[in-house]
C-alpha cells in the first residue's frame, strides 16, 4: 500500500469515527486499520461516500479553525 500522508490518516480516522458512531462499531484491526478502512470505504455507495466526505471536510475545517479569542 502507498504511504499515506498525515492528513489522509487523519481523514480516515475521522471517517471511522463518523461511521462507527455511538450505535455502530467498526471491527477493524489496529495494525491494519488504514488498508481496512480504505477497503470499507470502497464498498460504500457513491452517495454514502459523498455524504461522509462532507462531514469529514467539516470536521477537518473545524479542527483547523483558529480559536476565537475572548
PDB file of N, CA and C in Angstrom:
ATOM      1  N   UNK A   1       0.834  -1.183   0.000  1.00  0.00           N
ATOM      2  CA  UNK A   1       0.000   0.000   0.000  1.00  0.00           C
ATOM      3  C   UNK A   1       0.875   1.241   0.000  1.00  0.00           C
ATOM      4  N   UNK A   2       0.430   2.251  -0.690  1.00  0.00           N
ATOM      5  CA  UNK A   2       1.144   3.516  -0.755  1.00  0.00           C
ATOM      6  C   UNK A   2       1.165   4.155   0.624  1.00  0.00           C
ATOM      7  N   UNK A   3       2.256   4.833   0.921  1.00  0.00           N
ATOM      8  CA  UNK A   3       2.322   5.560   2.189  1.00  0.00           C
ATOM      9  C   UNK A   3       1.286   6.667   2.187  1.00  0.00           C
ATOM     10  N   UNK A   4       0.595   6.814   3.281  1.00  0.00           N
ATOM     11  CA  UNK A   4      -0.430   7.839   3.401  1.00  0.00           C
ATOM     12  C   UNK A   4       0.122   9.056   4.123  1.00  0.00           C
ATOM     13  N   UNK A   5      -0.328  10.225   3.696  1.00  0.00           N
ATOM     14  CA  UNK A   5       0.072  11.450   4.384  1.00  0.00           C
ATOM     15  C   UNK A   5      -0.613  11.493   5.745  1.00  0.00           C
ATOM     16  N   UNK A   6      -0.106  12.345   6.607  1.00  0.00           N
ATOM     17  CA  UNK A   6      -0.732  12.521   7.922  1.00  0.00           C
ATOM     18  C   UNK A   6      -2.162  13.010   7.785  1.00  0.00           C
ATOM     19  N   UNK A   7      -2.392  13.864   6.789  1.00  0.00           N
ATOM     20  CA  UNK A   7      -3.744  14.373   6.563  1.00  0.00           C
ATOM     21  C   UNK A   7      -4.676  13.242   6.143  1.00  0.00           C
ATOM     22  N   UNK A   8      -4.217  12.377   5.255  1.00  0.00           N
ATOM     23  CA  UNK A   8      -5.044  11.249   4.814  1.00  0.00           C
ATOM     24  C   UNK A   8      -5.377  10.342   5.994  1.00  0.00           C
ATOM     25  N   UNK A   9      -4.387  10.101   6.841  1.00  0.00           N
ATOM     26  CA  UNK A   9      -4.619   9.264   8.019  1.00  0.00           C
ATOM     27  C   UNK A   9      -5.648   9.900   8.951  1.00  0.00           C
ATOM     28  N   UNK A  10      -5.528  11.210   9.157  1.00  0.00           N
ATOM     29  CA  UNK A  10      -6.489  11.920   9.994  1.00  0.00           C
ATOM     30  C   UNK A  10      -7.890  11.785   9.417  1.00  0.00           C
ATOM     31  N   UNK A  11      -8.023  11.977   8.114  1.00  0.00           N
ATOM     32  CA  UNK A  11      -9.331  11.909   7.463  1.00  0.00           C
ATOM     33  C   UNK A  11      -9.930  10.504   7.580  1.00  0.00           C
ATOM     34  N   UNK A  12      -9.088   9.488   7.488  1.00  0.00           N
ATOM     35  CA  UNK A  12      -9.583   8.118   7.650  1.00  0.00           C
ATOM     36  C   UNK A  12     -10.050   7.870   9.085  1.00  0.00           C
ATOM     37  N   UNK A  13      -9.327   8.413  10.055  1.00  0.00           N
ATOM     38  CA  UNK A  13      -9.743   8.264  11.456  1.00  0.00           C
ATOM     39  C   UNK A  13     -11.054   9.015  11.715  1.00  0.00           C
ATOM     40  N   UNK A  14     -11.179  10.221  11.149  1.00  0.00           N
ATOM     41  CA  UNK A  14     -12.426  10.970  11.300  1.00  0.00           C
ATOM     42  C   UNK A  14     -13.587  10.207  10.679  1.00  0.00           C
ATOM     43  N   UNK A  15     -13.373   9.673   9.492  1.00  0.00           N
ATOM     44  CA  UNK A  15     -14.424   8.908   8.809  1.00  0.00           C
ATOM     45  C   UNK A  15     -14.829   7.693   9.636  1.00  0.00           C
ATOM     46  N   UNK A  16     -13.847   7.004  10.196  1.00  0.00           N
ATOM     47  CA  UNK A  16     -14.144   5.827  11.012  1.00  0.00           C
ATOM     48  C   UNK A  16     -14.996   6.211  12.212  1.00  0.00           C
ATOM     49  N   UNK A  17     -14.675   7.337  12.823  1.00  0.00           N
ATOM     50  CA  UNK A  17     -15.467   7.806  13.964  1.00  0.00           C
ATOM     51  C   UNK A  17     -16.893   8.124  13.574  1.00  0.00           C
ATOM     52  N   UNK A  18     -17.066   8.714  12.411  1.00  0.00           N
ATOM     53  CA  UNK A  18     -18.407   9.046  11.943  1.00  0.00           C
ATOM     54  C   UNK A  18     -19.189   7.797  11.560  1.00  0.00           C
ATOM     55  N   UNK A  19     -18.528   6.851  10.942  1.00  0.00           N
ATOM     56  CA  UNK A  19     -19.201   5.608  10.544  1.00  0.00           C
ATOM     57  C   UNK A  19     -19.557   4.802  11.778  1.00  0.00           C
ATOM     58  N   UNK A  20     -18.603   4.707  12.686  1.00  0.00           N
ATOM     59  CA  UNK A  20     -18.843   3.927  13.898  1.00  0.00           C
ATOM     60  C   UNK A  20     -19.928   4.555  14.747  1.00  0.00           C
ATOM     61  N   UNK A  21     -19.725   5.783  15.114  1.00  0.00           N
ATOM     62  CA  UNK A  21     -20.706   6.498  15.916  1.00  0.00           C
ATOM     63  C   UNK A  21     -21.057   5.773  17.201  1.00  0.00           C
ATOM     64  N   UNK A  22     -22.075   6.254  17.905  1.00  0.00           N
ATOM     65  CA  UNK A  22     -22.433   5.665  19.193  1.00  0.00           C
ATOM     66  C   UNK A  22     -23.147   4.314  19.088  1.00  0.00           C
ATOM     67  N   UNK A  23     -23.779   4.032  17.951  1.00  0.00           N
ATOM     68  CA  UNK A  23     -24.596   2.822  17.843  1.00  0.00           C
ATOM     69  C   UNK A  23     -24.010   1.736  16.945  1.00  0.00           C
ATOM     70  N   UNK A  24     -22.842   1.976  16.388  1.00  0.00           N
ATOM     71  CA  UNK A  24     -22.251   1.009  15.466  1.00  0.00           C
ATOM     72  C   UNK A  24     -20.748   0.956  15.702  1.00  0.00           C
ATOM     73  N   UNK A  25     -20.199  -0.228  15.693  1.00  0.00           N
ATOM     74  CA  UNK A  25     -18.771  -0.385  15.904  1.00  0.00           C
ATOM     75  C   UNK A  25     -18.140  -0.981  14.663  1.00  0.00           C
ATOM     76  N   UNK A  26     -17.092  -0.341  14.176  1.00  0.00           N
ATOM     77  CA  UNK A  26     -16.331  -0.915  13.077  1.00  0.00           C
ATOM     78  C   UNK A  26     -15.331  -1.901  13.665  1.00  0.00           C
ATOM     79  N   UNK A  27     -15.315  -3.080  13.149  1.00  0.00           N
ATOM     80  CA  UNK A  27     -14.383  -4.102  13.634  1.00  0.00           C
ATOM     81  C   UNK A  27     -13.147  -4.083  12.752  1.00  0.00           C
ATOM     82  N   UNK A  28     -12.233  -3.173  13.039  1.00  0.00           N
ATOM     83  CA  UNK A  28     -11.004  -3.049  12.268  1.00  0.00           C
ATOM     84  C   UNK A  28      -9.804  -3.322  13.163  1.00  0.00           C
ATOM     85  N   UNK A  29      -8.857  -4.046  12.622  1.00  0.00           N
ATOM     86  CA  UNK A  29      -7.631  -4.376  13.334  1.00  0.00           C
ATOM     87  C   UNK A  29      -6.736  -3.146  13.386  1.00  0.00           C
ATOM     88  N   UNK A  30      -6.253  -2.781  14.571  1.00  0.00           N
ATOM     89  CA  UNK A  30      -5.392  -1.598  14.707  1.00  0.00           C
ATOM     90  C   UNK A  30      -4.183  -1.653  13.777  1.00  0.00           C
ATOM     91  N   UNK A  31      -3.575  -2.810  13.682  1.00  0.00           N
ATOM     92  CA  UNK A  31      -2.361  -2.962  12.884  1.00  0.00           C
ATOM     93  C   UNK A  31      -2.630  -2.699  11.395  1.00  0.00           C
ATOM     94  N   UNK A  32      -3.820  -3.055  10.943  1.00  0.00           N
ATOM     95  CA  UNK A  32      -4.179  -2.893   9.525  1.00  0.00           C
ATOM     96  C   UNK A  32      -5.314  -1.896   9.333  1.00  0.00           C
ATOM     97  N   UNK A  33      -5.429  -0.954  10.253  1.00  0.00           N
ATOM     98  CA  UNK A  33      -6.557  -0.023  10.238  1.00  0.00           C
ATOM     99  C   UNK A  33      -6.706   0.702   8.900  1.00  0.00           C
ATOM    100  N   UNK A  34      -5.628   1.320   8.418  1.00  0.00           N
ATOM    101  CA  UNK A  34      -5.758   2.159   7.218  1.00  0.00           C
ATOM    102  C   UNK A  34      -6.153   1.362   5.980  1.00  0.00           C
ATOM    103  N   UNK A  35      -5.501   0.238   5.666  1.00  0.00           N
ATOM    104  CA  UNK A  35      -5.943  -0.536   4.497  1.00  0.00           C
ATOM    105  C   UNK A  35      -7.373  -1.076   4.656  1.00  0.00           C
ATOM    106  N   UNK A  36      -7.722  -1.486   5.875  1.00  0.00           N
ATOM    107  CA  UNK A  36      -9.073  -1.989   6.088  1.00  0.00           C
ATOM    108  C   UNK A  36     -10.103  -0.879   5.948  1.00  0.00           C
ATOM    109  N   UNK A  37      -9.773   0.309   6.432  1.00  0.00           N
ATOM    110  CA  UNK A  37     -10.690   1.445   6.320  1.00  0.00           C
ATOM    111  C   UNK A  37     -10.886   1.824   4.860  1.00  0.00           C
ATOM    112  N   UNK A  38      -9.812   1.822   4.099  1.00  0.00           N
ATOM    113  CA  UNK A  38      -9.913   2.137   2.667  1.00  0.00           C
ATOM    114  C   UNK A  38     -10.800   1.104   1.973  1.00  0.00           C
ATOM    115  N   UNK A  39     -10.624  -0.166   2.294  1.00  0.00           N
ATOM    116  CA  UNK A  39     -11.468  -1.224   1.713  1.00  0.00           C
ATOM    117  C   UNK A  39     -12.934  -1.012   2.093  1.00  0.00           C
ATOM    118  N   UNK A  40     -13.173  -0.645   3.346  1.00  0.00           N
ATOM    119  CA  UNK A  40     -14.540  -0.392   3.805  1.00  0.00           C
ATOM    120  C   UNK A  40     -15.171   0.738   2.994  1.00  0.00           C
ATOM    121  N   UNK A  41     -14.412   1.814   2.795  1.00  0.00           N
ATOM    122  CA  UNK A  41     -14.931   2.964   2.048  1.00  0.00           C
ATOM    123  C   UNK A  41     -15.218   2.608   0.595  1.00  0.00           C
ATOM    124  N   UNK A  42     -14.404   1.759   0.009  1.00  0.00           N
ATOM    125  CA  UNK A  42     -14.606   1.350  -1.394  1.00  0.00           C
ATOM    126  C   UNK A  42     -15.933   0.622  -1.574  1.00  0.00           C
ATOM    127  N   UNK A  43     -16.420  -0.017  -0.526  1.00  0.00           N
ATOM    128  CA  UNK A  43     -17.669  -0.783  -0.597  1.00  0.00           C
ATOM    129  C   UNK A  43     -18.913   0.088  -0.417  1.00  0.00           C
ATOM    130  N   UNK A  44     -18.712   1.321  -0.005  1.00  0.00           N
ATOM    131  CA  UNK A  44     -19.837   2.228   0.204  1.00  0.00           C
ATOM    132  C   UNK A  44     -20.348   2.736  -1.137  1.00  0.00           C
ATOM    133  N   UNK A  45     -21.630   3.093  -1.176  1.00  0.00           N
ATOM    134  CA  UNK A  45     -22.193   3.684  -2.389  1.00  0.00           C
ATOM    135  C   UNK A  45     -21.603   5.079  -2.586  1.00  0.00           C
ATOM    136  N   UNK A  46     -21.685   5.579  -3.814  1.00  0.00           N
ATOM    137  CA  UNK A  46     -21.180   6.932  -4.085  1.00  0.00           C
ATOM    138  C   UNK A  46     -21.901   7.963  -3.228  1.00  0.00           C
ATOM    139  N   UNK A  47     -23.188   7.778  -3.046  1.00  0.00           N
ATOM    140  CA  UNK A  47     -23.969   8.719  -2.231  1.00  0.00           C
ATOM    141  C   UNK A  47     -23.473   8.717  -0.779  1.00  0.00           C
ATOM    142  N   UNK A  48     -23.240   7.522  -0.238  1.00  0.00           N
ATOM    143  CA  UNK A  48     -22.738   7.426   1.140  1.00  0.00           C
ATOM    144  C   UNK A  48     -21.353   8.050   1.254  1.00  0.00           C
ATOM    145  N   UNK A  49     -20.492   7.790   0.286  1.00  0.00           N
ATOM    146  CA  UNK A  49     -19.132   8.355   0.315  1.00  0.00           C
ATOM    147  C   UNK A  49     -19.164   9.874   0.233  1.00  0.00           C
ATOM    148  N   UNK A  50     -20.023  10.415  -0.625  1.00  0.00           N
ATOM    149  CA  UNK A  50     -20.110  11.866  -0.763  1.00  0.00           C
ATOM    150  C   UNK A  50     -20.599  12.520   0.523  1.00  0.00           C
ATOM    151  N   UNK A  51     -21.587  11.912   1.160  1.00  0.00           N
ATOM    152  CA  UNK A  51     -22.114  12.464   2.417  1.00  0.00           C
ATOM    153  C   UNK A  51     -21.042  12.392   3.504  1.00  0.00           C
ATOM    154  N   UNK A  52     -20.359  11.253   3.581  1.00  0.00           N
ATOM    155  CA  UNK A  52     -19.295  11.092   4.563  1.00  0.00           C
ATOM    156  C   UNK A  52     -18.191  12.108   4.320  1.00  0.00           C
ATOM    157  N   UNK A  53     -17.836  12.330   3.062  1.00  0.00           N
ATOM    158  CA  UNK A  53     -16.791  13.309   2.723  1.00  0.00           C
ATOM    159  C   UNK A  53     -17.189  14.704   3.201  1.00  0.00           C
ATOM    160  N   UNK A  54     -18.465  15.068   3.032  1.00  0.00           N
ATOM    161  CA  UNK A  54     -18.933  16.376   3.514  1.00  0.00           C
ATOM    162  C   UNK A  54     -18.716  16.513   5.018  1.00  0.00           C
ATOM    163  N   UNK A  55     -19.063  15.479   5.760  1.00  0.00           N
ATOM    164  CA  UNK A  55     -18.881  15.521   7.216  1.00  0.00           C
ATOM    165  C   UNK A  55     -17.402  15.581   7.598  1.00  0.00           C
ATOM    166  N   UNK A  56     -16.586  14.785   6.916  1.00  0.00           N
ATOM    167  CA  UNK A  56     -15.150  14.780   7.209  1.00  0.00           C
ATOM    168  C   UNK A  56     -14.546  16.141   6.870  1.00  0.00           C
ATOM    169  N   UNK A  57     -14.954  16.728   5.740  1.00  0.00           N
ATOM    170  CA  UNK A  57     -14.474  18.067   5.376  1.00  0.00           C
ATOM    171  C   UNK A  57     -14.805  19.068   6.479  1.00  0.00           C
ATOM    172  N   UNK A  58     -16.058  18.996   6.967  1.00  0.00           N
ATOM    173  CA  UNK A  58     -16.487  19.928   8.011  1.00  0.00           C
ATOM    174  C   UNK A  58     -15.653  19.729   9.276  1.00  0.00           C
ATOM    175  N   UNK A  59     -15.469  18.483   9.689  1.00  0.00           N
ATOM    176  CA  UNK A  59     -14.682  18.206  10.891  1.00  0.00           C
ATOM    177  C   UNK A  59     -13.238  18.670  10.732  1.00  0.00           C
ATOM    178  N   UNK A  60     -12.665  18.444   9.559  1.00  0.00           N
ATOM    179  CA  UNK A  60     -11.291  18.873   9.319  1.00  0.00           C
ATOM    180  C   UNK A  60     -11.193  20.399   9.385  1.00  0.00           C
ATOM    181  N   UNK A  61     -12.153  21.089   8.782  1.00  0.00           N
ATOM    182  CA  UNK A  61     -12.171  22.561   8.853  1.00  0.00           C
ATOM    183  C   UNK A  61     -12.312  23.022  10.303  1.00  0.00           C
ATOM    184  N   UNK A  62     -13.162  22.354  11.045  1.00  0.00           N
ATOM    185  CA  UNK A  62     -13.365  22.705  12.448  1.00  0.00           C
ATOM    186  C   UNK A  62     -12.080  22.522  13.245  1.00  0.00           C
ATOM    187  N   UNK A  63     -11.394  21.406  13.012  1.00  0.00           N
ATOM    188  CA  UNK A  63     -10.125  21.119  13.696  1.00  0.00           C
ATOM    189  C   UNK A  63      -9.065  22.182  13.380  1.00  0.00           C
ATOM    190  N   UNK A  64      -9.085  22.681  12.149  1.00  0.00           N
ATOM    191  CA  UNK A  64      -8.063  23.632  11.709  1.00  0.00           C
ATOM    192  C   UNK A  64      -8.429  25.090  11.951  1.00  0.00           C
ATOM    193  N   UNK A  65      -9.646  25.321  12.431  1.00  0.00           N
ATOM    194  CA  UNK A  65     -10.102  26.696  12.650  1.00  0.00           C
ATOM    195  C   UNK A  65      -9.288  27.349  13.768  1.00  0.00           C
ATOM    196  N   UNK A  66      -9.062  28.625  13.613  1.00  0.00           N
ATOM    197  CA  UNK A  66      -8.376  29.392  14.638  1.00  0.00           C
ATOM    198  C   UNK A  66      -9.340  29.626  15.786  1.00  0.00           C
ATOM    199  N   UNK A  67      -8.900  29.343  17.007  1.00  0.00           N
ATOM    200  CA  UNK A  67      -9.792  29.557  18.148  1.00  0.00           C
ATOM    201  C   UNK A  67     -10.175  31.045  18.278  1.00  0.00           C
ATOM    202  N   UNK A  68     -11.382  31.273  18.685  1.00  0.00           N
ATOM    203  CA  UNK A  68     -11.842  32.652  18.904  1.00  0.00           C
ATOM    204  C   UNK A  68     -11.240  33.162  20.196  1.00  0.00           C
ATOM    205  N   UNK A  69     -10.655  34.354  20.119  1.00  0.00           N
ATOM    206  CA  UNK A  69     -10.056  34.973  21.299  1.00  0.00           C
ATOM    207  C   UNK A  69     -11.141  35.689  22.091  1.00  0.00           C
ATOM    208  N   UNK A  70     -11.138  35.480  23.400  1.00  0.00           N
ATOM    209  CA  UNK A  70     -12.121  36.153  24.253  1.00  0.00           C
ATOM    210  C   UNK A  70     -11.495  37.359  24.879  1.00  0.00           C
TER     211      UNK A  70
END
